[in-house]
C-alpha atoms as a PDB file:
ATOM      1  CA  UNK A   1     130.397  11.517  85.384  1.00  0.00           C
ATOM      2  CA  UNK A   2     128.808  12.848  88.263  1.00  0.00           C
ATOM      3  CA  UNK A   3     132.110  14.485  89.465  1.00  0.00           C
ATOM      4  CA  UNK A   4     130.533  17.867  90.188  1.00  0.00           C
ATOM      5  CA  UNK A   5     128.145  16.242  92.794  1.00  0.00           C
ATOM      6  CA  UNK A   6     130.868  14.171  94.273  1.00  0.00           C
ATOM      7  CA  UNK A   7     133.298  17.434  94.914  1.00  0.00           C
ATOM      8  CA  UNK A   8     130.400  19.261  96.226  1.00  0.00           C
ATOM      9  CA  UNK A   9     130.251  16.411  98.573  1.00  0.00           C
ATOM     10  CA  UNK A  10     133.458  16.598  99.618  1.00  0.00           C
ATOM     11  CA  UNK A  11     133.153  19.958 100.084  1.00  0.00           C
ATOM     12  CA  UNK A  12     130.168  19.555 102.633  1.00  0.00           C
ATOM     13  CA  UNK A  13     132.001  16.854 104.830  1.00  0.00           C
ATOM     14  CA  UNK A  14     135.155  19.246 105.166  1.00  0.00           C
ATOM     15  CA  UNK A  15     132.652  22.201 106.034  1.00  0.00           C
ATOM     16  CA  UNK A  16     131.063  19.910 108.471  1.00  0.00           C
ATOM     17  CA  UNK A  17     133.777  17.614 109.813  1.00  0.00           C
ATOM     18  CA  UNK A  18     135.169  20.034 112.402  1.00  0.00           C
ATOM     19  CA  UNK A  19     132.229  20.736 114.134  1.00  0.00           C
ATOM     20  CA  UNK A  20     131.141  17.357 114.411  1.00  0.00           C
ATOM     21  CA  UNK A  21     134.507  15.803 115.525  1.00  0.00           C
ATOM     22  CA  UNK A  22     134.530  18.659 118.131  1.00  0.00           C
ATOM     23  CA  UNK A  23     131.187  17.350 119.808  1.00  0.00           C
ATOM     24  CA  UNK A  24     130.972  14.674 122.175  1.00  0.00           C
ATOM     25  CA  UNK A  25     129.864  11.456 120.602  1.00  0.00           C
ATOM     26  CA  UNK A  26     127.563  10.526 123.313  1.00  0.00           C
ATOM     27  CA  UNK A  27     124.575  13.082 122.074  1.00  0.00           C
ATOM     28  CA  UNK A  28     121.313  11.417 122.615  1.00  0.00           C
ATOM     29  CA  UNK A  29     117.916  12.601 121.885  1.00  0.00           C
ATOM     30  CA  UNK A  30     117.666  15.585 119.635  1.00  0.00           C
ATOM     31  CA  UNK A  31     114.732  16.933 121.450  1.00  0.00           C
ATOM     32  CA  UNK A  32     116.608  17.042 124.846  1.00  0.00           C
ATOM     33  CA  UNK A  33     120.016  19.017 125.771  1.00  0.00           C
ATOM     34  CA  UNK A  34     122.845  16.888 125.516  1.00  0.00           C
ATOM     35  CA  UNK A  35     124.386  15.598 128.699  1.00  0.00           C
ATOM     36  CA  UNK A  36     127.348  17.357 130.281  1.00  0.00           C
ATOM     37  CA  UNK A  37     130.514  16.468 128.730  1.00  0.00           C
ATOM     38  CA  UNK A  38     133.406  14.844 130.865  1.00  0.00           C
ATOM     39  CA  UNK A  39     136.386  17.444 131.401  1.00  0.00           C
ATOM     40  CA  UNK A  40     138.418  15.387 128.863  1.00  0.00           C
ATOM     41  CA  UNK A  41     135.656  16.016 126.039  1.00  0.00           C
ATOM     42  CA  UNK A  42     136.322  19.954 126.851  1.00  0.00           C
ATOM     43  CA  UNK A  43     139.944  19.613 126.488  1.00  0.00           C
ATOM     44  CA  UNK A  44     139.976  18.107 123.112  1.00  0.00           C
ATOM     45  CA  UNK A  45     138.028  16.912 120.112  1.00  0.00           C
ATOM     46  CA  UNK A  46     136.116  13.629 120.416  1.00  0.00           C
ATOM     47  CA  UNK A  47     138.287  10.469 118.779  1.00  0.00           C
ATOM     48  CA  UNK A  48     136.739  10.110 115.314  1.00  0.00           C
ATOM     49  CA  UNK A  49     137.295   6.180 116.329  1.00  0.00           C
ATOM     50  CA  UNK A  50     134.654   6.447 118.954  1.00  0.00           C
ATOM     51  CA  UNK A  51     131.941   4.078 118.599  1.00  0.00           C
ATOM     52  CA  UNK A  52     128.548   5.570 118.581  1.00  0.00           C
ATOM     53  CA  UNK A  53     126.483   2.860 117.749  1.00  0.00           C
ATOM     54  CA  UNK A  54     126.606  -1.022 116.909  1.00  0.00           C
ATOM     55  CA  UNK A  55     124.320  -3.344 114.683  1.00  0.00           C
ATOM     56  CA  UNK A  56     124.605  -6.740 115.010  1.00  0.00           C
ATOM     57  CA  UNK A  57     128.007  -6.065 116.616  1.00  0.00           C
ATOM     58  CA  UNK A  58     129.117  -3.693 113.450  1.00  0.00           C
ATOM     59  CA  UNK A  59     130.508  -0.526 114.973  1.00  0.00           C
ATOM     60  CA  UNK A  60     129.569   2.908 113.715  1.00  0.00           C
ATOM     61  CA  UNK A  61     131.901   5.391 114.539  1.00  0.00           C
ATOM     62  CA  UNK A  62     132.241   8.900 114.514  1.00  0.00           C
ATOM     63  CA  UNK A  63     134.300   9.110 111.601  1.00  0.00           C
ATOM     64  CA  UNK A  64     131.138   7.356 109.761  1.00  0.00           C
ATOM     65  CA  UNK A  65     129.082  10.205 111.002  1.00  0.00           C
ATOM     66  CA  UNK A  66     131.460  12.742 109.565  1.00  0.00           C
ATOM     67  CA  UNK A  67     131.858  11.039 106.146  1.00  0.00           C
ATOM     68  CA  UNK A  68     127.920  10.874 106.275  1.00  0.00           C
ATOM     69  CA  UNK A  69     127.541  14.790 106.740  1.00  0.00           C
ATOM     70  CA  UNK A  70     128.498  15.003 103.096  1.00  0.00           C
ATOM     71  CA  UNK A  71     125.044  14.223 102.453  1.00  0.00           C
ATOM     72  CA  UNK A  72     123.349  16.849 104.488  1.00  0.00           C
ATOM     73  CA  UNK A  73     121.384  19.487 102.470  1.00  0.00           C
ATOM     74  CA  UNK A  74     122.441  22.779 102.830  1.00  0.00           C
ATOM     75  CA  UNK A  75     119.387  24.064 104.865  1.00  0.00           C
ATOM     76  CA  UNK A  76     120.181  21.360 107.561  1.00  0.00           C
ATOM     77  CA  UNK A  77     123.619  22.749 108.076  1.00  0.00           C
ATOM     78  CA  UNK A  78     122.806  25.361 110.394  1.00  0.00           C
ATOM     79  CA  UNK A  79     121.157  23.044 112.729  1.00  0.00           C
ATOM     80  CA  UNK A  80     123.622  22.373 115.904  1.00  0.00           C
ATOM     81  CA  UNK A  81     125.740  19.202 116.165  1.00  0.00           C
ATOM     82  CA  UNK A  82     123.212  17.774 119.143  1.00  0.00           C
ATOM     83  CA  UNK A  83     120.595  17.620 116.751  1.00  0.00           C
ATOM     84  CA  UNK A  84     122.525  16.776 113.437  1.00  0.00           C
ATOM     85  CA  UNK A  85     124.578  13.695 114.937  1.00  0.00           C
ATOM     86  CA  UNK A  86     121.489  12.019 116.406  1.00  0.00           C
ATOM     87  CA  UNK A  87     119.948  12.077 112.767  1.00  0.00           C
ATOM     88  CA  UNK A  88     123.090  11.073 110.912  1.00  0.00           C
ATOM     89  CA  UNK A  89     123.273   7.831 113.738  1.00  0.00           C
ATOM     90  CA  UNK A  90     119.916   7.084 113.393  1.00  0.00           C
ATOM     91  CA  UNK A  91     120.410   7.050 109.583  1.00  0.00           C
ATOM     92  CA  UNK A  92     123.498   4.716 109.547  1.00  0.00           C
ATOM     93  CA  UNK A  93     121.779   2.250 111.902  1.00  0.00           C
ATOM     94  CA  UNK A  94     118.971   1.972 109.518  1.00  0.00           C
ATOM     95  CA  UNK A  95     121.305   1.786 106.657  1.00  0.00           C
ATOM     96  CA  UNK A  96     123.347  -1.185 108.353  1.00  0.00           C
ATOM     97  CA  UNK A  97     120.442  -2.962 109.297  1.00  0.00           C
ATOM     98  CA  UNK A  98     119.128  -2.820 105.785  1.00  0.00           C
ATOM     99  CA  UNK A  99     122.277  -3.874 104.352  1.00  0.00           C
ATOM    100  CA  UNK A 100     122.116  -7.195 106.839  1.00  0.00           C
ATOM    101  CA  UNK A 101     118.622  -7.850 106.010  1.00  0.00           C
ATOM    102  CA  UNK A 102     119.707  -7.641 102.038  1.00  0.00           C
ATOM    103  CA  UNK A 103     122.556 -10.323 102.774  1.00  0.00           C
ATOM    104  CA  UNK A 104     120.266 -12.633 104.561  1.00  0.00           C
ATOM    105  CA  UNK A 105     117.704 -12.724 101.652  1.00  0.00           C
ATOM    106  CA  UNK A 106     120.768 -13.455  99.505  1.00  0.00           C
ATOM    107  CA  UNK A 107     120.009 -10.224  97.154  1.00  0.00           C
ATOM    108  CA  UNK A 108     124.050  -9.734  96.698  1.00  0.00           C
ATOM    109  CA  UNK A 109     124.240 -12.886  94.932  1.00  0.00           C
ATOM    110  CA  UNK A 110     121.455 -12.067  92.575  1.00  0.00           C
ATOM    111  CA  UNK A 111     122.980 -11.099  88.928  1.00  0.00           C
ATOM    112  CA  UNK A 112     121.306  -7.576  88.617  1.00  0.00           C
ATOM    113  CA  UNK A 113     122.184  -6.705  92.162  1.00  0.00           C
ATOM    114  CA  UNK A 114     125.997  -7.751  91.214  1.00  0.00           C
ATOM    115  CA  UNK A 115     125.851  -5.697  88.260  1.00  0.00           C
ATOM    116  CA  UNK A 116     124.631  -2.582  89.862  1.00  0.00           C
ATOM    117  CA  UNK A 117     126.765  -3.185  92.879  1.00  0.00           C
ATOM    118  CA  UNK A 118     129.770  -3.195  90.117  1.00  0.00           C
ATOM    119  CA  UNK A 119     128.543   0.458  88.315  1.00  0.00           C
ATOM    120  CA  UNK A 120     128.326   1.448  91.655  1.00  0.00           C
ATOM    121  CA  UNK A 121     131.871   0.730  92.619  1.00  0.00           C
ATOM    122  CA  UNK A 122     132.925   1.895  89.101  1.00  0.00           C
ATOM    123  CA  UNK A 123     131.452   4.966  89.584  1.00  0.00           C
ATOM    124  CA  UNK A 124     133.126   5.703  92.935  1.00  0.00           C
ATOM    125  CA  UNK A 125     136.935   4.580  91.648  1.00  0.00           C
ATOM    126  CA  UNK A 126     136.056   7.360  88.674  1.00  0.00           C
ATOM    127  CA  UNK A 127     135.169   9.770  90.884  1.00  0.00           C
ATOM    128  CA  UNK A 128     138.246   9.147  93.310  1.00  0.00           C
ATOM    129  CA  UNK A 129     140.382   9.370  90.330  1.00  0.00           C
ATOM    130  CA  UNK A 130     139.099  12.557  89.003  1.00  0.00           C
ATOM    131  CA  UNK A 131     139.001  14.144  92.408  1.00  0.00           C
ATOM    132  CA  UNK A 132     142.964  13.014  92.543  1.00  0.00           C
ATOM    133  CA  UNK A 133     143.254  14.768  89.156  1.00  0.00           C
ATOM    134  CA  UNK A 134     141.292  17.912  89.414  1.00  0.00           C
ATOM    135  CA  UNK A 135     141.121  19.242  93.154  1.00  0.00           C
ATOM    136  CA  UNK A 136     144.710  20.381  93.464  1.00  0.00           C
ATOM    137  CA  UNK A 137     144.071  22.740  90.644  1.00  0.00           C
ATOM    138  CA  UNK A 138     141.242  24.346  92.332  1.00  0.00           C
ATOM    139  CA  UNK A 139     143.223  26.568  94.609  1.00  0.00           C
ATOM    140  CA  UNK A 140     142.407  30.144  95.353  1.00  0.00           C
ATOM    141  CA  UNK A 141     145.743  31.169  93.079  1.00  0.00           C
ATOM    142  CA  UNK A 142     144.086  29.081  90.100  1.00  0.00           C
ATOM    143  CA  UNK A 143     141.086  30.940  90.831  1.00  0.00           C
ATOM    144  CA  UNK A 144     142.004  34.239  91.069  1.00  0.00           C
ATOM    145  CA  UNK A 145     144.180  33.859  87.725  1.00  0.00           C
ATOM    146  CA  UNK A 146     141.005  32.505  86.099  1.00  0.00           C
ATOM    147  CA  UNK A 147     138.955  35.713  87.175  1.00  0.00           C
ATOM    148  CA  UNK A 148     142.302  38.090  85.789  1.00  0.00           C
ATOM    149  CA  UNK A 149     142.137  36.656  82.797  1.00  0.00           C
ATOM    150  CA  UNK A 150     138.781  36.480  82.023  1.00  0.00           C
ATOM    151  CA  UNK A 151     136.955  39.528  83.989  1.00  0.00           C
ATOM    152  CA  UNK A 152     138.979  41.970  85.550  1.00  0.00           C
ATOM    153  CA  UNK A 153     141.004  42.576  82.542  1.00  0.00           C
ATOM    154  CA  UNK A 154     138.728  42.670  80.257  1.00  0.00           C
ATOM    155  CA  UNK A 155     136.678  45.720  79.025  1.00  0.00           C
ATOM    156  CA  UNK A 156     133.022  46.165  80.313  1.00  0.00           C
ATOM    157  CA  UNK A 157     130.972  44.327  77.613  1.00  0.00           C
ATOM    158  CA  UNK A 158     128.069  46.273  75.588  1.00  0.00           C
ATOM    159  CA  UNK A 159     124.738  43.958  76.084  1.00  0.00           C
ATOM    160  CA  UNK A 160     121.455  44.675  73.965  1.00  0.00           C
ATOM    161  CA  UNK A 161     118.112  43.916  74.607  1.00  0.00           C
ATOM    162  CA  UNK A 162     116.100  42.968  71.588  1.00  0.00           C
ATOM    163  CA  UNK A 163     113.024  41.156  70.203  1.00  0.00           C
ATOM    164  CA  UNK A 164     112.458  39.468  66.936  1.00  0.00           C
ATOM    165  CA  UNK A 165     110.245  38.184  64.362  1.00  0.00           C
ATOM    166  CA  UNK A 166     111.716  35.386  62.286  1.00  0.00           C
ATOM    167  CA  UNK A 167     110.202  34.851  58.881  1.00  0.00           C
ATOM    168  CA  UNK A 168     110.955  32.098  56.103  1.00  0.00           C
ATOM    169  CA  UNK A 169     111.502  34.665  53.236  1.00  0.00           C
ATOM    170  CA  UNK A 170     112.743  37.920  52.739  1.00  0.00           C
ATOM    171  CA  UNK A 171     109.311  38.843  51.117  1.00  0.00           C
ATOM    172  CA  UNK A 172     107.390  38.001  54.312  1.00  0.00           C
ATOM    173  CA  UNK A 173     109.888  39.944  56.158  1.00  0.00           C
ATOM    174  CA  UNK A 174     109.604  43.064  54.336  1.00  0.00           C
ATOM    175  CA  UNK A 175     105.820  42.872  54.457  1.00  0.00           C
ATOM    176  CA  UNK A 176     106.295  42.864  58.511  1.00  0.00           C
ATOM    177  CA  UNK A 177     108.699  45.983  58.465  1.00  0.00           C
ATOM    178  CA  UNK A 178     105.730  47.852  56.183  1.00  0.00           C
ATOM    179  CA  UNK A 179     103.300  46.630  58.763  1.00  0.00           C
ATOM    180  CA  UNK A 180     105.526  48.122  61.699  1.00  0.00           C
ATOM    181  CA  UNK A 181     106.148  51.370  59.687  1.00  0.00           C
ATOM    182  CA  UNK A 182     102.491  51.650  59.386  1.00  0.00           C
ATOM    183  CA  UNK A 183     102.023  51.067  63.682  1.00  0.00           C
ATOM    184  CA  UNK A 184     101.287  47.678  63.843  1.00  0.00           C
ATOM    185  CA  UNK A 185     102.102  46.189  67.097  1.00  0.00           C
ATOM    186  CA  UNK A 186     105.574  44.163  67.031  1.00  0.00           C
ATOM    187  CA  UNK A 187     104.622  41.478  69.715  1.00  0.00           C
ATOM    188  CA  UNK A 188     101.569  40.784  68.228  1.00  0.00           C
ATOM    189  CA  UNK A 189     103.090  40.333  64.836  1.00  0.00           C
ATOM    190  CA  UNK A 190     105.605  38.090  66.860  1.00  0.00           C
ATOM    191  CA  UNK A 191     103.361  35.936  67.860  1.00  0.00           C
ATOM    192  CA  UNK A 192     101.476  35.356  64.973  1.00  0.00           C
ATOM    193  CA  UNK A 193     103.982  35.186  62.206  1.00  0.00           C
ATOM    194  CA  UNK A 194     107.311  34.449  63.919  1.00  0.00           C
ATOM    195  CA  UNK A 195     108.748  31.142  62.956  1.00  0.00           C
ATOM    196  CA  UNK A 196     110.540  31.216  66.352  1.00  0.00           C
ATOM    197  CA  UNK A 197     107.751  29.901  68.461  1.00  0.00           C
ATOM    198  CA  UNK A 198     109.720  29.984  71.786  1.00  0.00           C
ATOM    199  CA  UNK A 199     110.591  33.792  71.927  1.00  0.00           C
ATOM    200  CA  UNK A 200     107.185  34.482  69.839  1.00  0.00           C
ATOM    201  CA  UNK A 201     104.446  32.580  71.861  1.00  0.00           C
ATOM    202  CA  UNK A 202     105.900  33.063  75.635  1.00  0.00           C
ATOM    203  CA  UNK A 203     106.845  36.759  75.328  1.00  0.00           C
ATOM    204  CA  UNK A 204     106.566  38.645  71.739  1.00  0.00           C
ATOM    205  CA  UNK A 205     109.647  37.788  70.611  1.00  0.00           C
ATOM    206  CA  UNK A 206     111.639  39.079  73.456  1.00  0.00           C
ATOM    207  CA  UNK A 207     115.409  37.541  73.763  1.00  0.00           C
ATOM    208  CA  UNK A 208     116.119  39.131  76.762  1.00  0.00           C
ATOM    209  CA  UNK A 209     119.326  41.007  77.437  1.00  0.00           C
ATOM    210  CA  UNK A 210     122.764  39.386  75.438  1.00  0.00           C
ATOM    211  CA  UNK A 211     126.293  39.970  74.634  1.00  0.00           C
ATOM    212  CA  UNK A 212     127.535  40.162  71.152  1.00  0.00           C
ATOM    213  CA  UNK A 213     129.112  36.838  71.517  1.00  0.00           C
ATOM    214  CA  UNK A 214     125.661  35.080  72.632  1.00  0.00           C
ATOM    215  CA  UNK A 215     123.963  35.726  69.187  1.00  0.00           C
ATOM    216  CA  UNK A 216     124.745  33.789  65.628  1.00  0.00           C
ATOM    217  CA  UNK A 217     127.234  36.641  63.795  1.00  0.00           C
ATOM    218  CA  UNK A 218     124.632  37.915  61.353  1.00  0.00           C
ATOM    219  CA  UNK A 219     122.117  38.651  63.920  1.00  0.00           C
ATOM    220  CA  UNK A 220     124.475  40.068  66.575  1.00  0.00           C
ATOM    221  CA  UNK A 221     126.186  42.489  63.939  1.00  0.00           C
ATOM    222  CA  UNK A 222     122.699  44.007  62.979  1.00  0.00           C
ATOM    223  CA  UNK A 223     121.650  44.153  66.441  1.00  0.00           C
ATOM    224  CA  UNK A 224     124.836  45.647  67.895  1.00  0.00           C
ATOM    225  CA  UNK A 225     124.895  48.436  65.310  1.00  0.00           C
ATOM    226  CA  UNK A 226     121.366  49.557  66.080  1.00  0.00           C
ATOM    227  CA  UNK A 227     120.041  52.261  68.909  1.00  0.00           C
ATOM    228  CA  UNK A 228     117.284  51.905  71.365  1.00  0.00           C
ATOM    229  CA  UNK A 229     114.012  51.937  69.727  1.00  0.00           C
ATOM    230  CA  UNK A 230     115.413  51.536  66.299  1.00  0.00           C
ATOM    231  CA  UNK A 231     113.641  48.636  64.314  1.00  0.00           C
ATOM    232  CA  UNK A 232     115.364  46.996  60.944  1.00  0.00           C
ATOM    233  CA  UNK A 233     114.836  48.869  58.135  1.00  0.00           C
ATOM    234  CA  UNK A 234     115.958  45.564  55.980  1.00  0.00           C
ATOM    235  CA  UNK A 235     115.702  41.894  56.842  1.00  0.00           C
ATOM    236  CA  UNK A 236     118.567  40.441  58.627  1.00  0.00           C
ATOM    237  CA  UNK A 237     119.566  37.090  57.099  1.00  0.00           C
ATOM    238  CA  UNK A 238     120.550  34.179  58.855  1.00  0.00           C
ATOM    239  CA  UNK A 239     120.680  30.544  58.584  1.00  0.00           C
ATOM    240  CA  UNK A 240     117.369  30.209  60.009  1.00  0.00           C
ATOM    241  CA  UNK A 241     115.547  32.650  58.226  1.00  0.00           C
ATOM    242  CA  UNK A 242     115.086  36.171  57.938  1.00  0.00           C
ATOM    243  CA  UNK A 243     114.969  38.040  61.079  1.00  0.00           C
ATOM    244  CA  UNK A 244     113.124  41.798  61.828  1.00  0.00           C
ATOM    245  CA  UNK A 245     114.362  42.804  65.001  1.00  0.00           C
ATOM    246  CA  UNK A 246     113.589  45.602  67.481  1.00  0.00           C
ATOM    247  CA  UNK A 247     116.491  46.891  69.880  1.00  0.00           C
ATOM    248  CA  UNK A 248     114.424  47.966  73.246  1.00  0.00           C
ATOM    249  CA  UNK A 249     117.409  49.188  75.212  1.00  0.00           C
ATOM    250  CA  UNK A 250     121.323  48.767  75.448  1.00  0.00           C
ATOM    251  CA  UNK A 251     123.775  48.913  78.727  1.00  0.00           C
ATOM    252  CA  UNK A 252     127.363  48.043  79.498  1.00  0.00           C
ATOM    253  CA  UNK A 253     127.761  45.168  81.519  1.00  0.00           C
ATOM    254  CA  UNK A 254     130.071  46.232  84.718  1.00  0.00           C
ATOM    255  CA  UNK A 255     133.157  43.850  85.564  1.00  0.00           C
ATOM    256  CA  UNK A 256     131.577  41.521  87.938  1.00  0.00           C
ATOM    257  CA  UNK A 257     133.216  41.157  91.370  1.00  0.00           C
ATOM    258  CA  UNK A 258     135.366  37.841  92.369  1.00  0.00           C
ATOM    259  CA  UNK A 259     133.038  36.897  94.971  1.00  0.00           C
ATOM    260  CA  UNK A 260     129.957  36.973  92.692  1.00  0.00           C
ATOM    261  CA  UNK A 261     131.670  34.663  90.023  1.00  0.00           C
ATOM    262  CA  UNK A 262     133.458  32.499  92.323  1.00  0.00           C
ATOM    263  CA  UNK A 263     131.151  29.503  91.999  1.00  0.00           C
ATOM    264  CA  UNK A 264     130.845  29.821  88.236  1.00  0.00           C
ATOM    265  CA  UNK A 265     134.971  30.236  87.917  1.00  0.00           C
ATOM    266  CA  UNK A 266     135.143  27.024  90.112  1.00  0.00           C
ATOM    267  CA  UNK A 267     132.860  25.256  87.873  1.00  0.00           C
ATOM    268  CA  UNK A 268     134.635  26.054  84.913  1.00  0.00           C
ATOM    269  CA  UNK A 269     138.018  25.156  86.239  1.00  0.00           C
ATOM    270  CA  UNK A 270     136.233  21.703  87.188  1.00  0.00           C
ATOM    271  CA  UNK A 271     135.042  21.407  83.464  1.00  0.00           C
ATOM    272  CA  UNK A 272     138.457  22.297  82.220  1.00  0.00           C
ATOM    273  CA  UNK A 273     140.532  20.041  84.360  1.00  0.00           C
ATOM    274  CA  UNK A 274     138.028  17.222  84.369  1.00  0.00           C
ATOM    275  CA  UNK A 275     137.996  17.368  80.405  1.00  0.00           C
ATOM    276  CA  UNK A 276     141.909  17.297  80.699  1.00  0.00           C
ATOM    277  CA  UNK A 277     141.927  14.666  83.231  1.00  0.00           C
ATOM    278  CA  UNK A 278     139.722  12.513  80.625  1.00  0.00           C
ATOM    279  CA  UNK A 279     142.108  13.272  77.621  1.00  0.00           C
ATOM    280  CA  UNK A 280     144.865  11.941  79.569  1.00  0.00           C
ATOM    281  CA  UNK A 281     143.544   8.518  80.802  1.00  0.00           C
ATOM    282  CA  UNK A 282     142.088   7.811  77.052  1.00  0.00           C
ATOM    283  CA  UNK A 283     145.516   8.869  75.438  1.00  0.00           C
ATOM    284  CA  UNK A 284     147.108   5.978  77.585  1.00  0.00           C
ATOM    285  CA  UNK A 285     144.716   3.268  76.177  1.00  0.00           C
ATOM    286  CA  UNK A 286     143.670   1.410  72.858  1.00  0.00           C
ATOM    287  CA  UNK A 287     140.503   2.620  71.599  1.00  0.00           C
ATOM    288  CA  UNK A 288     138.741   0.458  68.955  1.00  0.00           C
ATOM    289  CA  UNK A 289     135.284   1.192  67.941  1.00  0.00           C
ATOM    290  CA  UNK A 290     132.881  -0.711  66.037  1.00  0.00           C
ATOM    291  CA  UNK A 291     129.767  -0.229  63.882  1.00  0.00           C
ATOM    292  CA  UNK A 292     126.936  -1.081  65.781  1.00  0.00           C
ATOM    293  CA  UNK A 293     125.071  -2.355  62.819  1.00  0.00           C
ATOM    294  CA  UNK A 294     127.746  -4.131  60.595  1.00  0.00           C
ATOM    295  CA  UNK A 295     130.391  -5.261  63.858  1.00  0.00           C
ATOM    296  CA  UNK A 296     132.954  -4.018  61.219  1.00  0.00           C
ATOM    297  CA  UNK A 297     135.564  -1.794  62.701  1.00  0.00           C
ATOM    298  CA  UNK A 298     135.309   1.914  62.238  1.00  0.00           C
ATOM    299  CA  UNK A 299     138.350   4.053  61.064  1.00  0.00           C
ATOM    300  CA  UNK A 300     140.292   5.501  63.716  1.00  0.00           C
ATOM    301  CA  UNK A 301     139.260   9.049  63.974  1.00  0.00           C
ATOM    302  CA  UNK A 302     137.428  11.142  66.915  1.00  0.00           C
ATOM    303  CA  UNK A 303     133.986  11.087  66.862  1.00  0.00           C
ATOM    304  CA  UNK A 304     132.495  14.651  65.459  1.00  0.00           C
ATOM    305  CA  UNK A 305     130.732  16.545  68.089  1.00  0.00           C
ATOM    306  CA  UNK A 306     127.394  17.225  67.352  1.00  0.00           C
ATOM    307  CA  UNK A 307     124.615  19.995  68.640  1.00  0.00           C
ATOM    308  CA  UNK A 308     121.639  21.724  67.882  1.00  0.00           C
ATOM    309  CA  UNK A 309     121.812  25.709  68.049  1.00  0.00           C
ATOM    310  CA  UNK A 310     118.574  27.926  69.047  1.00  0.00           C
ATOM    311  CA  UNK A 311     117.173  29.859  66.349  1.00  0.00           C
ATOM    312  CA  UNK A 312     119.102  33.083  67.282  1.00  0.00           C
ATOM    313  CA  UNK A 313     121.381  32.366  70.360  1.00  0.00           C
ATOM    314  CA  UNK A 314     124.675  30.186  69.939  1.00  0.00           C
END
């Protein structure tokens, strides 16, 4: 479901709506200055029902323009209304003309088109319900509460910058440790021998900065017990094989400001309340699953979540 982009569109429309409604609907060519507004226009915002164009007699109103503002990309939001409004009006005129042509050609009667139209209508209805269920929770008070619980009241976390060489066997890992003690270059050995090809080929096994909870327990326990410059004296075993770790640096991650994590918090709350809303909807319907191969009804148990882990990070 594309709830995030839908909610973003709502936010954009809300931000631009006021300026659009306050601007006279008779703006003309964006390259030329707007005509002087009548005194009445200066005293009060233009009526959203004001007609800005017609196409075969079908009206396009300033309210339609305000709604279309939700699709404006961020870089265009800085443009003045006398530039934005005519652009949106032209866009709406084009859309009306296309719809009229499509109906004239009978495309709305074709099964494949009707299927797409039904899908689009279903998506719009789903987004509307999710918005109704989720948006009331996205208040400043809710964001602040989340920040205090998950950021402000937590002690600063230690972070480690490390690299590793992942081997299949303990004997191979011991041999790598022996070579490192003899002065071998860690990055070159990683590129040559590590089975974690992602980190090895790109940057000599460098995993960047990470918190303890970012890594699998065996790896994290070893890395966070080491000091800057340390290299594993014994291989670290995990479900992926045997790691030889070098800690490049350590630091304490400061508590972030509310402003710096506001968007992250908002997304976390959206995910939380969308999940709750979907679970609530599912709890009020009867769900029956069938095996696609045999057609037999499956037992009423929730589907198991699956996912693959990266070699080092969880």
